[in-house]
Amino acid sequence: MAGGKRAAKAAATRARMLGAARALFVGGGYGSTSMQAIAAEAGVAVQTLYYTFETKRAILTELLDVEVAGDAAPVATLDRPQVMEAMAAPPADQLRRMVAMTAQVHARVVPLLEVLRAAAAVDPGVADLWRTNIAQRHTVQVAFAAALAAKGALRPGLSAGRAADIALAVLSPETYHLLVHERAWPRADWADWATDALTRQLIAEIDG
């Protein structure tokens, strides 16, 4: 019982440190945020922060993982039930589900990804993290495109690889940020546009 309480307290402290880092990264940028500032914001000793994460980049890496997933459970995106259900759905429904899940993720993570993208220009370590993030997003789109191909749903002449690239571009956080944050589109309007774009670009027929 005592061990469970200690674990719960440690998890709560970890979450508090991640939350503090997110607020500071988004509010002031990655480069200008120090480990000392994160510790102070979280109300912990800086030694505790270093012991838990070791580096600021490790904090950013874990924060991205948690924000993308929506929780701290160690379950890969493609292994999550809602993703597997989407890939098993009929083509048009698969696209709608893809977009809906992406909208939920982007609502959480796009402000942090903008921080990451800006920091990548001046920090080689963060640049590696940015490239990894793109590769991870591409891996998900490859799986979705393969599911469409397996259903015989792709437009004639369109390869699964090209379909994945198109989906990567349409569903990119950069485009979401431009339209939703910069141009003030409602999130539902972005979802409608993305669904329509993917439907027209990827699938041979709309099957309802």
N, C-alpha and C. Protein backbone atom coordinates (compact mmCIF):
# COMPACT_ATOMS: atom_id res chain seq x y z
N MET A 1 0.83 -1.21 0.00
CA MET A 1 0.00 0.00 0.00
C MET A 1 0.87 1.26 0.00
N ALA A 2 1.91 1.26 0.85
CA ALA A 2 2.81 2.40 0.93
C ALA A 2 3.53 2.59 -0.40
N GLY A 3 3.92 1.46 -1.02
CA GLY A 3 4.59 1.55 -2.30
C GLY A 3 3.69 2.15 -3.36
N GLY A 4 2.41 1.81 -3.32
CA GLY A 4 1.46 2.38 -4.27
C GLY A 4 1.31 3.86 -4.09
N LYS A 5 1.29 4.32 -2.84
CA LYS A 5 1.17 5.75 -2.57
C LYS A 5 2.40 6.49 -3.05
N ARG A 6 3.58 5.87 -2.83
CA ARG A 6 4.82 6.51 -3.29
C ARG A 6 4.83 6.62 -4.81
N ALA A 7 4.39 5.56 -5.48
CA ALA A 7 4.36 5.57 -6.94
C ALA A 7 3.40 6.62 -7.46
N ALA A 8 2.24 6.73 -6.82
CA ALA A 8 1.25 7.73 -7.23
C ALA A 8 1.78 9.14 -7.02
N LYS A 9 2.47 9.34 -5.89
CA LYS A 9 3.05 10.66 -5.62
C LYS A 9 4.13 11.00 -6.63
N ALA A 10 4.96 10.01 -6.97
CA ALA A 10 6.02 10.24 -7.96
C ALA A 10 5.43 10.57 -9.33
N ALA A 11 4.36 9.85 -9.70
CA ALA A 11 3.71 10.11 -10.99
C ALA A 11 3.10 11.50 -11.02
N ALA A 12 2.50 11.91 -9.90
CA ALA A 12 1.91 13.24 -9.83
C ALA A 12 2.97 14.32 -9.94
N THR A 13 4.11 14.10 -9.27
CA THR A 13 5.21 15.06 -9.34
C THR A 13 5.76 15.14 -10.75
N ARG A 14 5.91 13.99 -11.40
CA ARG A 14 6.40 13.96 -12.78
C ARG A 14 5.46 14.74 -13.70
N ALA A 15 4.16 14.50 -13.54
CA ALA A 15 3.18 15.20 -14.35
C ALA A 15 3.23 16.71 -14.09
N ARG A 16 3.44 17.09 -12.83
CA ARG A 16 3.53 18.51 -12.51
C ARG A 16 4.75 19.16 -13.17
N MET A 17 5.86 18.45 -13.18
CA MET A 17 7.07 18.96 -13.83
C MET A 17 6.87 19.09 -15.34
N LEU A 18 6.22 18.10 -15.94
CA LEU A 18 5.94 18.18 -17.37
C LEU A 18 5.00 19.34 -17.68
N GLY A 19 3.98 19.52 -16.84
CA GLY A 19 3.05 20.63 -17.04
C GLY A 19 3.74 21.97 -16.92
N ALA A 20 4.65 22.09 -15.97
CA ALA A 20 5.39 23.34 -15.80
C ALA A 20 6.27 23.60 -17.01
N ALA A 21 6.94 22.56 -17.50
CA ALA A 21 7.79 22.71 -18.68
C ALA A 21 6.97 23.13 -19.89
N ARG A 22 5.81 22.52 -20.06
CA ARG A 22 4.96 22.87 -21.21
C ARG A 22 4.57 24.35 -21.16
N ALA A 23 4.14 24.80 -20.00
CA ALA A 23 3.72 26.20 -19.87
C ALA A 23 4.87 27.15 -20.20
N LEU A 24 6.06 26.82 -19.73
CA LEU A 24 7.21 27.70 -19.97
C LEU A 24 7.70 27.61 -21.41
N PHE A 25 7.73 26.41 -21.97
CA PHE A 25 8.15 26.25 -23.37
C PHE A 25 7.23 27.04 -24.30
N VAL A 26 5.92 26.86 -24.12
CA VAL A 26 4.95 27.51 -24.99
C VAL A 26 4.93 29.01 -24.74
N GLY A 27 5.06 29.40 -23.49
CA GLY A 27 4.99 30.82 -23.15
C GLY A 27 6.22 31.61 -23.50
N GLY A 28 7.41 30.99 -23.37
CA GLY A 28 8.63 31.75 -23.58
C GLY A 28 9.64 31.16 -24.52
N GLY A 29 9.36 29.98 -25.05
CA GLY A 29 10.30 29.34 -25.96
C GLY A 29 11.18 28.33 -25.26
N TYR A 30 11.68 27.41 -26.04
CA TYR A 30 12.51 26.33 -25.49
C TYR A 30 13.87 26.85 -25.03
N GLY A 31 14.52 27.62 -25.88
CA GLY A 31 15.88 28.06 -25.59
C GLY A 31 15.98 28.92 -24.35
N SER A 32 14.98 29.74 -24.11
CA SER A 32 15.03 30.67 -22.98
C SER A 32 14.52 30.06 -21.68
N THR A 33 14.06 28.82 -21.72
CA THR A 33 13.56 28.16 -20.52
C THR A 33 14.66 27.33 -19.90
N SER A 34 14.99 27.60 -18.66
CA SER A 34 16.05 26.86 -17.97
C SER A 34 15.47 25.76 -17.10
N MET A 35 16.31 24.81 -16.75
CA MET A 35 15.90 23.76 -15.82
C MET A 35 15.51 24.37 -14.48
N GLN A 36 16.22 25.40 -14.07
CA GLN A 36 15.89 26.06 -12.81
C GLN A 36 14.49 26.66 -12.85
N ALA A 37 14.15 27.26 -13.99
CA ALA A 37 12.82 27.87 -14.11
C ALA A 37 11.72 26.81 -14.09
N ILE A 38 11.97 25.68 -14.75
CA ILE A 38 10.98 24.60 -14.74
C ILE A 38 10.78 24.08 -13.32
N ALA A 39 11.89 23.86 -12.61
CA ALA A 39 11.80 23.37 -11.24
C ALA A 39 11.02 24.34 -10.36
N ALA A 40 11.30 25.62 -10.51
CA ALA A 40 10.61 26.62 -9.70
C ALA A 40 9.12 26.64 -10.03
N GLU A 41 8.79 26.56 -11.31
CA GLU A 41 7.38 26.57 -11.73
C GLU A 41 6.65 25.34 -11.19
N ALA A 42 7.36 24.21 -11.14
CA ALA A 42 6.74 22.97 -10.67
C ALA A 42 6.76 22.84 -9.15
N GLY A 43 7.52 23.70 -8.48
CA GLY A 43 7.61 23.64 -7.03
C GLY A 43 8.43 22.48 -6.52
N VAL A 44 9.49 22.13 -7.27
CA VAL A 44 10.38 21.04 -6.85
C VAL A 44 11.81 21.56 -6.85
N ALA A 45 12.68 20.83 -6.18
CA ALA A 45 14.09 21.17 -6.20
C ALA A 45 14.65 20.87 -7.59
N VAL A 46 15.59 21.70 -8.05
CA VAL A 46 16.16 21.48 -9.38
C VAL A 46 16.86 20.12 -9.45
N GLN A 47 17.39 19.65 -8.31
CA GLN A 47 18.03 18.33 -8.30
C GLN A 47 17.01 17.23 -8.61
N THR A 48 15.78 17.42 -8.15
CA THR A 48 14.71 16.45 -8.43
C THR A 48 14.42 16.41 -9.92
N LEU A 49 14.40 17.58 -10.54
CA LEU A 49 14.13 17.65 -11.97
C LEU A 49 15.24 16.95 -12.75
N TYR A 50 16.48 17.23 -12.40
CA TYR A 50 17.61 16.58 -13.08
C TYR A 50 17.61 15.07 -12.84
N TYR A 51 17.29 14.65 -11.63
CA TYR A 51 17.27 13.22 -11.32
C TYR A 51 16.20 12.50 -12.13
N THR A 52 15.07 13.17 -12.34
CA THR A 52 13.94 12.56 -13.05
C THR A 52 14.16 12.52 -14.55
N PHE A 53 14.68 13.61 -15.12
CA PHE A 53 14.76 13.73 -16.58
C PHE A 53 16.17 13.84 -17.15
N GLU A 54 17.12 14.27 -16.34
CA GLU A 54 18.52 14.46 -16.73
C GLU A 54 18.76 15.70 -17.60
N THR A 55 17.98 15.87 -18.67
CA THR A 55 18.20 17.01 -19.57
C THR A 55 16.88 17.67 -19.95
N LYS A 56 17.00 18.90 -20.42
CA LYS A 56 15.82 19.62 -20.88
C LYS A 56 15.24 18.97 -22.13
N ARG A 57 16.12 18.45 -22.99
CA ARG A 57 15.62 17.78 -24.20
C ARG A 57 14.84 16.52 -23.86
N ALA A 58 15.26 15.82 -22.80
CA ALA A 58 14.51 14.63 -22.37
C ALA A 58 13.12 15.02 -21.88
N ILE A 59 13.01 16.17 -21.24
CA ILE A 59 11.69 16.66 -20.82
C ILE A 59 10.82 16.92 -22.04
N LEU A 60 11.37 17.60 -23.03
CA LEU A 60 10.63 17.91 -24.24
C LEU A 60 10.20 16.63 -24.95
N THR A 61 11.09 15.65 -25.00
CA THR A 61 10.78 14.39 -25.67
C THR A 61 9.61 13.68 -24.99
N GLU A 62 9.67 13.57 -23.67
CA GLU A 62 8.58 12.89 -22.96
C GLU A 62 7.29 13.70 -23.04
N LEU A 63 7.41 15.00 -22.97
CA LEU A 63 6.23 15.86 -23.05
C LEU A 63 5.53 15.67 -24.38
N LEU A 64 6.28 15.58 -25.46
CA LEU A 64 5.69 15.34 -26.77
C LEU A 64 4.97 14.00 -26.81
N ASP A 65 5.61 12.97 -26.26
CA ASP A 65 4.99 11.64 -26.26
C ASP A 65 3.65 11.67 -25.52
N VAL A 66 3.64 12.32 -24.37
CA VAL A 66 2.41 12.38 -23.55
C VAL A 66 1.34 13.21 -24.24
N GLU A 67 1.75 14.34 -24.83
CA GLU A 67 0.77 15.21 -25.50
C GLU A 67 0.16 14.53 -26.72
N VAL A 68 0.97 13.83 -27.49
CA VAL A 68 0.46 13.14 -28.67
C VAL A 68 -0.52 12.04 -28.26
N ALA A 69 -0.13 11.26 -27.26
CA ALA A 69 -0.97 10.13 -26.83
C ALA A 69 -2.20 10.59 -26.06
N GLY A 70 -2.06 11.68 -25.33
CA GLY A 70 -3.14 12.13 -24.47
C GLY A 70 -3.09 11.53 -23.08
N ASP A 71 -2.10 10.68 -22.85
CA ASP A 71 -1.90 10.06 -21.54
C ASP A 71 -0.47 9.54 -21.48
N ALA A 72 -0.10 9.00 -20.32
CA ALA A 72 1.26 8.51 -20.13
C ALA A 72 1.38 7.01 -20.30
N ALA A 73 0.31 6.35 -20.77
CA ALA A 73 0.35 4.89 -20.94
C ALA A 73 1.36 4.52 -22.03
N PRO A 74 2.19 3.51 -21.78
CA PRO A 74 3.21 3.12 -22.76
C PRO A 74 2.64 2.27 -23.89
N VAL A 75 1.71 2.85 -24.65
CA VAL A 75 1.06 2.14 -25.75
C VAL A 75 1.31 2.93 -27.03
N ALA A 76 1.89 2.29 -28.03
CA ALA A 76 2.18 2.97 -29.29
C ALA A 76 0.90 3.40 -29.98
N THR A 77 1.00 4.45 -30.78
CA THR A 77 -0.18 4.98 -31.47
C THR A 77 -0.91 3.91 -32.26
N LEU A 78 -0.17 3.12 -33.03
CA LEU A 78 -0.81 2.13 -33.90
C LEU A 78 -1.40 0.96 -33.13
N ASP A 79 -1.08 0.85 -31.85
CA ASP A 79 -1.62 -0.22 -31.02
C ASP A 79 -2.83 0.22 -30.20
N ARG A 80 -3.21 1.47 -30.34
CA ARG A 80 -4.34 1.98 -29.56
C ARG A 80 -5.66 1.57 -30.20
N PRO A 81 -6.65 1.19 -29.38
CA PRO A 81 -7.89 0.63 -29.93
C PRO A 81 -8.58 1.52 -30.96
N GLN A 82 -8.63 2.83 -30.71
CA GLN A 82 -9.34 3.70 -31.63
C GLN A 82 -8.64 3.77 -32.99
N VAL A 83 -7.32 3.62 -32.98
CA VAL A 83 -6.58 3.63 -34.24
C VAL A 83 -6.82 2.33 -35.01
N MET A 84 -6.78 1.22 -34.31
CA MET A 84 -7.04 -0.07 -34.97
C MET A 84 -8.47 -0.13 -35.51
N GLU A 85 -9.40 0.42 -34.76
CA GLU A 85 -10.79 0.45 -35.23
C GLU A 85 -10.92 1.31 -36.50
N ALA A 86 -10.21 2.44 -36.53
CA ALA A 86 -10.26 3.31 -37.70
C ALA A 86 -9.70 2.59 -38.93
N MET A 87 -8.59 1.89 -38.77
CA MET A 87 -7.98 1.21 -39.90
C MET A 87 -8.85 0.06 -40.41
N ALA A 88 -9.70 -0.48 -39.55
CA ALA A 88 -10.59 -1.57 -39.95
C ALA A 88 -11.89 -1.07 -40.57
N ALA A 89 -12.15 0.21 -40.51
CA ALA A 89 -13.42 0.78 -40.99
C ALA A 89 -13.43 0.87 -42.51
N PRO A 90 -14.62 1.00 -43.12
CA PRO A 90 -14.69 1.25 -44.56
C PRO A 90 -13.91 2.51 -44.94
N PRO A 91 -13.45 2.61 -46.19
CA PRO A 91 -12.51 3.68 -46.57
C PRO A 91 -12.93 5.10 -46.18
N ALA A 92 -14.14 5.51 -46.55
CA ALA A 92 -14.55 6.88 -46.24
C ALA A 92 -14.63 7.11 -44.73
N ASP A 93 -15.10 6.11 -44.01
CA ASP A 93 -15.18 6.22 -42.55
C ASP A 93 -13.79 6.22 -41.95
N GLN A 94 -12.87 5.46 -42.53
CA GLN A 94 -11.49 5.47 -42.07
C GLN A 94 -10.90 6.87 -42.16
N LEU A 95 -11.13 7.53 -43.29
CA LEU A 95 -10.61 8.89 -43.45
C LEU A 95 -11.21 9.85 -42.43
N ARG A 96 -12.53 9.75 -42.23
CA ARG A 96 -13.17 10.63 -41.23
C ARG A 96 -12.58 10.40 -39.85
N ARG A 97 -12.38 9.14 -39.51
CA ARG A 97 -11.81 8.83 -38.19
C ARG A 97 -10.37 9.31 -38.07
N MET A 98 -9.60 9.14 -39.14
CA MET A 98 -8.22 9.64 -39.15
C MET A 98 -8.18 11.12 -38.84
N VAL A 99 -9.02 11.87 -39.55
CA VAL A 99 -9.03 13.32 -39.38
C VAL A 99 -9.49 13.69 -37.97
N ALA A 100 -10.53 13.04 -37.47
CA ALA A 100 -11.03 13.35 -36.14
C ALA A 100 -9.97 13.10 -35.07
N MET A 101 -9.26 11.98 -35.18
CA MET A 101 -8.19 11.69 -34.21
C MET A 101 -7.05 12.69 -34.34
N THR A 102 -6.72 13.06 -35.57
CA THR A 102 -5.66 14.04 -35.77
C THR A 102 -6.04 15.39 -35.18
N ALA A 103 -7.29 15.78 -35.34
CA ALA A 103 -7.76 17.05 -34.77
C ALA A 103 -7.61 17.06 -33.26
N GLN A 104 -7.95 15.94 -32.63
CA GLN A 104 -7.81 15.85 -31.17
C GLN A 104 -6.35 15.97 -30.74
N VAL A 105 -5.47 15.29 -31.48
CA VAL A 105 -4.04 15.36 -31.16
C VAL A 105 -3.50 16.76 -31.38
N HIS A 106 -3.82 17.36 -32.54
CA HIS A 106 -3.30 18.68 -32.84
C HIS A 106 -3.78 19.73 -31.85
N ALA A 107 -5.00 19.60 -31.36
CA ALA A 107 -5.50 20.56 -30.38
C ALA A 107 -4.61 20.58 -29.13
N ARG A 108 -4.06 19.42 -28.79
CA ARG A 108 -3.17 19.35 -27.63
C ARG A 108 -1.73 19.75 -27.97
N VAL A 109 -1.24 19.29 -29.10
CA VAL A 109 0.21 19.25 -29.29
C VAL A 109 0.75 20.33 -30.21
N VAL A 110 -0.07 20.96 -31.04
CA VAL A 110 0.45 21.91 -32.02
C VAL A 110 1.20 23.08 -31.38
N PRO A 111 0.72 23.69 -30.29
CA PRO A 111 1.52 24.76 -29.68
C PRO A 111 2.92 24.29 -29.28
N LEU A 112 3.02 23.06 -28.78
CA LEU A 112 4.33 22.53 -28.40
C LEU A 112 5.17 22.21 -29.63
N LEU A 113 4.54 21.71 -30.69
CA LEU A 113 5.29 21.43 -31.91
C LEU A 113 5.82 22.71 -32.55
N GLU A 114 5.10 23.80 -32.41
CA GLU A 114 5.61 25.07 -32.90
C GLU A 114 6.87 25.49 -32.13
N VAL A 115 6.88 25.23 -30.84
CA VAL A 115 8.09 25.47 -30.03
C VAL A 115 9.22 24.59 -30.53
N LEU A 116 8.92 23.33 -30.77
CA LEU A 116 9.93 22.38 -31.24
C LEU A 116 10.48 22.82 -32.59
N ARG A 117 9.61 23.21 -33.50
CA ARG A 117 10.05 23.60 -34.85
C ARG A 117 10.95 24.83 -34.80
N ALA A 118 10.60 25.80 -33.95
CA ALA A 118 11.42 27.00 -33.83
C ALA A 118 12.79 26.67 -33.23
N ALA A 119 12.80 25.83 -32.21
CA ALA A 119 14.07 25.49 -31.54
C ALA A 119 14.95 24.64 -32.43
N ALA A 120 14.35 23.86 -33.33
CA ALA A 120 15.13 22.98 -34.21
C ALA A 120 16.06 23.76 -35.12
N ALA A 121 15.72 25.01 -35.39
CA ALA A 121 16.54 25.83 -36.28
C ALA A 121 17.89 26.19 -35.67
N VAL A 122 17.98 26.14 -34.35
CA VAL A 122 19.22 26.58 -33.68
C VAL A 122 19.83 25.52 -32.76
N ASP A 123 19.12 24.44 -32.51
CA ASP A 123 19.60 23.41 -31.59
C ASP A 123 19.64 22.07 -32.33
N PRO A 124 20.84 21.53 -32.62
CA PRO A 124 20.93 20.28 -33.38
C PRO A 124 20.22 19.11 -32.71
N GLY A 125 20.25 19.05 -31.39
CA GLY A 125 19.58 17.98 -30.68
C GLY A 125 18.07 18.05 -30.87
N VAL A 126 17.53 19.26 -30.81
CA VAL A 126 16.10 19.44 -31.02
C VAL A 126 15.74 19.19 -32.49
N ALA A 127 16.66 19.54 -33.39
CA ALA A 127 16.43 19.26 -34.80
C ALA A 127 16.27 17.76 -35.03
N ASP A 128 17.06 16.95 -34.34
CA ASP A 128 16.91 15.50 -34.43
C ASP A 128 15.53 15.07 -33.93
N LEU A 129 15.08 15.70 -32.86
CA LEU A 129 13.77 15.37 -32.30
C LEU A 129 12.67 15.76 -33.28
N TRP A 130 12.82 16.88 -33.96
CA TRP A 130 11.84 17.31 -34.95
C TRP A 130 11.76 16.31 -36.11
N ARG A 131 12.93 15.86 -36.57
CA ARG A 131 12.95 14.87 -37.66
C ARG A 131 12.32 13.55 -37.20
N THR A 132 12.57 13.19 -35.96
CA THR A 132 11.96 11.97 -35.42
C THR A 132 10.45 12.10 -35.38
N ASN A 133 9.96 13.27 -34.99
CA ASN A 133 8.52 13.49 -34.94
C ASN A 133 7.89 13.35 -36.33
N ILE A 134 8.53 13.90 -37.34
CA ILE A 134 8.03 13.77 -38.71
C ILE A 134 8.02 12.30 -39.12
N ALA A 135 9.10 11.59 -38.80
CA ALA A 135 9.18 10.17 -39.15
C ALA A 135 8.09 9.36 -38.46
N GLN A 136 7.80 9.69 -37.21
CA GLN A 136 6.74 8.99 -36.49
C GLN A 136 5.37 9.25 -37.11
N ARG A 137 5.13 10.51 -37.47
CA ARG A 137 3.86 10.82 -38.14
C ARG A 137 3.75 10.09 -39.47
N HIS A 138 4.85 10.02 -40.19
CA HIS A 138 4.85 9.32 -41.48
C HIS A 138 4.57 7.84 -41.30
N THR A 139 5.14 7.24 -40.26
CA THR A 139 4.89 5.82 -39.99
C THR A 139 3.41 5.54 -39.80
N VAL A 140 2.73 6.43 -39.08
CA VAL A 140 1.29 6.27 -38.88
C VAL A 140 0.56 6.37 -40.21
N GLN A 141 0.94 7.34 -41.04
CA GLN A 141 0.25 7.51 -42.32
C GLN A 141 0.53 6.35 -43.27
N VAL A 142 1.71 5.76 -43.19
CA VAL A 142 2.02 4.57 -44.00
C VAL A 142 1.06 3.44 -43.63
N ALA A 143 0.82 3.27 -42.33
CA ALA A 143 -0.09 2.20 -41.88
C ALA A 143 -1.51 2.47 -42.36
N PHE A 144 -1.97 3.71 -42.28
CA PHE A 144 -3.32 4.04 -42.74
C PHE A 144 -3.44 3.86 -44.25
N ALA A 145 -2.41 4.27 -45.00
CA ALA A 145 -2.44 4.11 -46.45
C ALA A 145 -2.44 2.64 -46.84
N ALA A 146 -1.68 1.85 -46.11
CA ALA A 146 -1.66 0.40 -46.38
C ALA A 146 -3.03 -0.21 -46.13
N ALA A 147 -3.73 0.28 -45.10
CA ALA A 147 -5.08 -0.23 -44.82
C ALA A 147 -6.03 0.12 -45.96
N LEU A 148 -5.91 1.34 -46.51
CA LEU A 148 -6.74 1.72 -47.65
C LEU A 148 -6.41 0.87 -48.87
N ALA A 149 -5.12 0.65 -49.09
CA ALA A 149 -4.70 -0.16 -50.23
C ALA A 149 -5.22 -1.59 -50.12
N ALA A 150 -5.19 -2.13 -48.90
CA ALA A 150 -5.66 -3.51 -48.69
C ALA A 150 -7.14 -3.65 -48.98
N LYS A 151 -7.88 -2.55 -48.86
CA LYS A 151 -9.32 -2.56 -49.16
C LYS A 151 -9.59 -2.27 -50.64
N GLY A 152 -8.53 -2.05 -51.41
CA GLY A 152 -8.71 -1.70 -52.82
C GLY A 152 -9.32 -0.34 -53.01
N ALA A 153 -9.08 0.57 -52.05
CA ALA A 153 -9.79 1.85 -52.06
C ALA A 153 -9.00 3.00 -52.68
N LEU A 154 -7.70 2.82 -52.93
CA LEU A 154 -6.90 3.93 -53.45
C LEU A 154 -7.25 4.22 -54.91
N ARG A 155 -7.14 5.50 -55.27
CA ARG A 155 -7.38 5.88 -56.66
C ARG A 155 -6.48 5.09 -57.60
N PRO A 156 -6.93 4.79 -58.79
CA PRO A 156 -6.10 4.07 -59.76
C PRO A 156 -4.78 4.80 -60.01
N GLY A 157 -3.70 4.06 -59.96
CA GLY A 157 -2.38 4.62 -60.20
C GLY A 157 -1.72 5.25 -58.99
N LEU A 158 -2.43 5.34 -57.88
CA LEU A 158 -1.88 5.94 -56.67
C LEU A 158 -1.27 4.85 -55.80
N SER A 159 0.01 4.97 -55.52
CA SER A 159 0.67 3.99 -54.66
C SER A 159 0.38 4.29 -53.20
N ALA A 160 0.52 3.28 -52.36
CA ALA A 160 0.33 3.48 -50.92
C ALA A 160 1.36 4.46 -50.38
N GLY A 161 2.58 4.41 -50.92
CA GLY A 161 3.62 5.34 -50.45
C GLY A 161 3.27 6.78 -50.74
N ARG A 162 2.78 7.05 -51.97
CA ARG A 162 2.39 8.41 -52.30
C ARG A 162 1.17 8.84 -51.49
N ALA A 163 0.24 7.92 -51.26
CA ALA A 163 -0.93 8.23 -50.44
C ALA A 163 -0.51 8.64 -49.02
N ALA A 164 0.47 7.93 -48.47
CA ALA A 164 0.96 8.27 -47.13
C ALA A 164 1.58 9.66 -47.12
N ASP A 165 2.32 10.01 -48.17
CA ASP A 165 2.93 11.33 -48.25
C ASP A 165 1.87 12.43 -48.34
N ILE A 166 0.82 12.18 -49.12
CA ILE A 166 -0.26 13.16 -49.23
C ILE A 166 -0.94 13.37 -47.88
N ALA A 167 -1.23 12.27 -47.19
CA ALA A 167 -1.87 12.38 -45.88
C ALA A 167 -0.96 13.09 -44.89
N LEU A 168 0.34 12.83 -44.97
CA LEU A 168 1.29 13.50 -44.08
C LEU A 168 1.23 15.00 -44.28
N ALA A 169 1.11 15.44 -45.53
CA ALA A 169 1.06 16.88 -45.82
C ALA A 169 -0.27 17.49 -45.40
N VAL A 170 -1.38 16.85 -45.77
CA VAL A 170 -2.70 17.41 -45.46
C VAL A 170 -2.92 17.50 -43.95
N LEU A 171 -2.47 16.47 -43.23
CA LEU A 171 -2.72 16.40 -41.79
C LEU A 171 -1.54 16.95 -40.97
N SER A 172 -0.66 17.68 -41.61
CA SER A 172 0.52 18.18 -40.89
C SER A 172 0.14 19.20 -39.82
N PRO A 173 0.87 19.24 -38.73
CA PRO A 173 0.60 20.26 -37.70
C PRO A 173 0.85 21.67 -38.20
N GLU A 174 1.77 21.81 -39.18
CA GLU A 174 2.03 23.14 -39.73
C GLU A 174 0.79 23.70 -40.42
N THR A 175 0.10 22.86 -41.22
CA THR A 175 -1.10 23.31 -41.90
C THR A 175 -2.23 23.58 -40.91
N TYR A 176 -2.35 22.70 -39.92
CA TYR A 176 -3.36 22.92 -38.88
C TYR A 176 -3.10 24.25 -38.17
N HIS A 177 -1.85 24.50 -37.81
CA HIS A 177 -1.51 25.74 -37.12
C HIS A 177 -1.84 26.95 -37.99
N LEU A 178 -1.50 26.88 -39.28
CA LEU A 178 -1.77 27.99 -40.18
C LEU A 178 -3.26 28.30 -40.26
N LEU A 179 -4.07 27.26 -40.45
CA LEU A 179 -5.50 27.49 -40.67
C LEU A 179 -6.28 27.75 -39.38
N VAL A 180 -5.97 26.99 -38.33
CA VAL A 180 -6.75 27.10 -37.08
C VAL A 180 -6.23 28.24 -36.21
N HIS A 181 -4.91 28.33 -36.04
CA HIS A 181 -4.37 29.34 -35.14
C HIS A 181 -4.12 30.69 -35.82
N GLU A 182 -3.60 30.65 -37.05
CA GLU A 182 -3.27 31.91 -37.72
C GLU A 182 -4.48 32.49 -38.47
N ARG A 183 -5.24 31.63 -39.16
CA ARG A 183 -6.37 32.11 -39.95
C ARG A 183 -7.70 31.98 -39.21
N ALA A 184 -7.67 31.47 -38.00
CA ALA A 184 -8.84 31.41 -37.11
C ALA A 184 -9.98 30.56 -37.65
N TRP A 185 -9.63 29.48 -38.37
CA TRP A 185 -10.67 28.54 -38.75
C TRP A 185 -11.17 27.80 -37.52
N PRO A 186 -12.46 27.56 -37.39
CA PRO A 186 -12.92 26.62 -36.35
C PRO A 186 -12.32 25.24 -36.61
N ARG A 187 -12.07 24.51 -35.57
CA ARG A 187 -11.47 23.19 -35.72
C ARG A 187 -12.34 22.28 -36.59
N ALA A 188 -13.66 22.43 -36.47
CA ALA A 188 -14.56 21.61 -37.28
C ALA A 188 -14.41 21.93 -38.77
N ASP A 189 -14.14 23.20 -39.11
CA ASP A 189 -13.94 23.57 -40.51
C ASP A 189 -12.66 22.94 -41.04
N TRP A 190 -11.59 22.95 -40.22
CA TRP A 190 -10.35 22.28 -40.64
C TRP A 190 -10.61 20.81 -40.87
N ALA A 191 -11.37 20.16 -39.99
CA ALA A 191 -11.66 18.74 -40.14
C ALA A 191 -12.45 18.46 -41.41
N ASP A 192 -13.42 19.30 -41.73
CA ASP A 192 -14.20 19.14 -42.96
C ASP A 192 -13.29 19.27 -44.18
N TRP A 193 -12.43 20.30 -44.16
CA TRP A 193 -11.52 20.51 -45.28
C TRP A 193 -10.56 19.34 -45.45
N ALA A 194 -9.97 18.89 -44.36
CA ALA A 194 -9.00 17.79 -44.43
C ALA A 194 -9.66 16.50 -44.91
N THR A 195 -10.87 16.24 -44.42
CA THR A 195 -11.59 15.04 -44.86
C THR A 195 -11.88 15.10 -46.35
N ASP A 196 -12.35 16.26 -46.80
CA ASP A 196 -12.66 16.42 -48.22
C ASP A 196 -11.39 16.29 -49.07
N ALA A 197 -10.30 16.91 -48.64
CA ALA A 197 -9.05 16.84 -49.40
C ALA A 197 -8.53 15.41 -49.50
N LEU A 198 -8.55 14.69 -48.39
CA LEU A 198 -8.06 13.32 -48.42
C LEU A 198 -8.98 12.42 -49.24
N THR A 199 -10.28 12.64 -49.13
CA THR A 199 -11.22 11.83 -49.90
C THR A 199 -10.98 12.01 -51.40
N ARG A 200 -10.84 13.26 -51.82
CA ARG A 200 -10.63 13.54 -53.24
C ARG A 200 -9.28 13.04 -53.73
N GLN A 201 -8.27 13.15 -52.87
CA GLN A 201 -6.91 12.81 -53.29
C GLN A 201 -6.61 11.31 -53.22
N LEU A 202 -7.26 10.61 -52.30
CA LEU A 202 -6.82 9.25 -52.01
C LEU A 202 -7.75 8.14 -52.51
N ILE A 203 -9.05 8.28 -52.32
CA ILE A 203 -9.88 7.10 -52.54
C ILE A 203 -10.65 7.17 -53.84
N ALA A 204 -10.85 6.00 -54.41
CA ALA A 204 -11.45 5.89 -55.73
C ALA A 204 -12.93 6.23 -55.70
N GLU A 205 -13.61 5.82 -54.65
CA GLU A 205 -15.03 6.07 -54.55
C GLU A 205 -15.38 6.41 -53.12
N ILE A 206 -16.38 7.23 -52.93
CA ILE A 206 -16.90 7.51 -51.59
C ILE A 206 -17.93 6.44 -51.29
N ASP A 207 -17.64 5.63 -50.28
CA ASP A 207 -18.53 4.50 -50.00
C ASP A 207 -19.45 4.75 -48.83
N GLY A 208 -19.50 5.99 -48.35
CA GLY A 208 -20.38 6.30 -47.20
C GLY A 208 -19.85 5.78 -45.94
